[in-house]
Amino acid sequence: MDSLNASFPAPLVAARPGGAGGGGATLLPLGAEVVRLHQALEQGATGAGAAELEQLQAVLAAPPR
């Protein structure tokens, strides 16, 4: 988490110390924006490569020689 936070101009997540109830992490506003952007990028990339992915799946489904 520290290296991820250090890669951006502001922290993405804040750690909560452990204890009897356990620790955890909280997504901060910049972290939420980074997640949103990554999801949009992933969705766009999936759509852009849909035809090629379908072709690759067909090749993989073919029986071996």
C-alpha atoms as a PDB file:
ATOM      1  CA  MET A   1       0.000   0.000   0.000  1.00  0.00           C
ATOM      2  CA  ASP A   2       2.846   2.371   0.804  1.00  0.00           C
ATOM      3  CA  SER A   3       4.434   2.039  -2.637  1.00  0.00           C
ATOM      4  CA  LEU A   4       1.056   2.537  -4.333  1.00  0.00           C
ATOM      5  CA  ASN A   5       0.347   5.656  -2.291  1.00  0.00           C
ATOM      6  CA  ALA A   6       3.858   6.963  -3.024  1.00  0.00           C
ATOM      7  CA  SER A   7       3.264   6.634  -6.778  1.00  0.00           C
ATOM      8  CA  PHE A   8       0.515   9.262  -6.815  1.00  0.00           C
ATOM      9  CA  PRO A   9       0.387  12.920  -5.762  1.00  0.00           C
ATOM     10  CA  ALA A  10      -1.972  12.042  -2.886  1.00  0.00           C
ATOM     11  CA  PRO A  11      -2.671   8.768  -1.046  1.00  0.00           C
ATOM     12  CA  LEU A  12      -5.133   6.330  -2.603  1.00  0.00           C
ATOM     13  CA  VAL A  13      -5.835   4.304   0.527  1.00  0.00           C
ATOM     14  CA  ALA A  14      -5.525   4.805   4.270  1.00  0.00           C
ATOM     15  CA  ALA A  15      -4.675   1.872   6.525  1.00  0.00           C
ATOM     16  CA  ARG A  16      -6.495   1.242   9.775  1.00  0.00           C
ATOM     17  CA  PRO A  17      -4.460  -0.469  12.468  1.00  0.00           C
ATOM     18  CA  GLY A  18      -5.423  -3.971  13.535  1.00  0.00           C
ATOM     19  CA  GLY A  19      -6.571  -4.993  16.955  1.00  0.00           C
ATOM     20  CA  ALA A  20      -9.392  -7.025  18.409  1.00  0.00           C
ATOM     21  CA  GLY A  21     -11.703  -5.975  15.563  1.00  0.00           C
ATOM     22  CA  GLY A  22      -9.009  -6.319  12.896  1.00  0.00           C
ATOM     23  CA  GLY A  23      -7.526  -3.712  10.625  1.00  0.00           C
ATOM     24  CA  GLY A  24      -8.429  -2.681   7.138  1.00  0.00           C
ATOM     25  CA  ALA A  25      -8.104   0.020   4.555  1.00  0.00           C
ATOM     26  CA  THR A  26     -10.245   2.886   3.370  1.00  0.00           C
ATOM     27  CA  LEU A  27     -10.331   4.021  -0.249  1.00  0.00           C
ATOM     28  CA  LEU A  28      -9.686   7.763  -0.369  1.00  0.00           C
ATOM     29  CA  PRO A  29     -11.140  10.134  -3.008  1.00  0.00           C
ATOM     30  CA  LEU A  30      -8.137   9.912  -5.363  1.00  0.00           C
ATOM     31  CA  GLY A  31      -8.183   6.136  -4.951  1.00  0.00           C
ATOM     32  CA  ALA A  32     -11.830   6.032  -5.986  1.00  0.00           C
ATOM     33  CA  GLU A  33     -11.006   8.137  -9.063  1.00  0.00           C
ATOM     34  CA  VAL A  34      -8.110   5.830  -9.996  1.00  0.00           C
ATOM     35  CA  VAL A  35     -10.388   2.783  -9.655  1.00  0.00           C
ATOM     36  CA  ARG A  36     -13.044   4.458 -11.822  1.00  0.00           C
ATOM     37  CA  LEU A  37     -10.488   5.334 -14.510  1.00  0.00           C
ATOM     38  CA  HIS A  38      -9.018   1.823 -14.472  1.00  0.00           C
ATOM     39  CA  GLN A  39     -12.462   0.250 -14.837  1.00  0.00           C
ATOM     40  CA  ALA A  40     -13.261   2.551 -17.774  1.00  0.00           C
ATOM     41  CA  LEU A  41      -9.932   1.697 -19.411  1.00  0.00           C
ATOM     42  CA  GLU A  42     -10.535  -2.019 -18.895  1.00  0.00           C
ATOM     43  CA  GLN A  43     -14.040  -1.783 -20.348  1.00  0.00           C
ATOM     44  CA  GLY A  44     -12.799   0.145 -23.384  1.00  0.00           C
ATOM     45  CA  ALA A  45      -9.950  -2.291 -23.986  1.00  0.00           C
ATOM     46  CA  THR A  46     -12.294  -5.267 -23.738  1.00  0.00           C
ATOM     47  CA  GLY A  47     -14.648  -3.734 -26.283  1.00  0.00           C
ATOM     48  CA  ALA A  48     -11.827  -2.755 -28.611  1.00  0.00           C
ATOM     49  CA  GLY A  49     -10.400  -6.277 -28.683  1.00  0.00           C
ATOM     50  CA  ALA A  50     -13.670  -8.212 -28.751  1.00  0.00           C
ATOM     51  CA  ALA A  51     -13.267  -9.545 -32.308  1.00  0.00           C
ATOM     52  CA  GLU A  52      -9.671 -10.641 -31.703  1.00  0.00           C
ATOM     53  CA  LEU A  53     -10.618 -12.236 -28.395  1.00  0.00           C
ATOM     54  CA  GLU A  54     -13.367 -14.205 -30.115  1.00  0.00           C
ATOM     55  CA  GLN A  55     -10.891 -15.408 -32.760  1.00  0.00           C
ATOM     56  CA  LEU A  56      -8.351 -16.397 -30.114  1.00  0.00           C
ATOM     57  CA  GLN A  57     -11.005 -18.327 -28.186  1.00  0.00           C
ATOM     58  CA  ALA A  58     -11.946 -20.190 -31.383  1.00  0.00           C
ATOM     59  CA  VAL A  59      -8.301 -21.145 -31.955  1.00  0.00           C
ATOM     60  CA  LEU A  60      -7.979 -22.338 -28.365  1.00  0.00           C
ATOM     61  CA  ALA A  61     -11.193 -24.382 -28.641  1.00  0.00           C
ATOM     62  CA  ALA A  62      -9.956 -26.252 -31.742  1.00  0.00           C
ATOM     63  CA  PRO A  63      -8.868 -29.818 -31.046  1.00  0.00           C
ATOM     64  CA  PRO A  64      -5.121 -30.425 -30.953  1.00  0.00           C
ATOM     65  CA  ARG A  65      -3.493 -31.968 -34.013  1.00  0.00           C
END
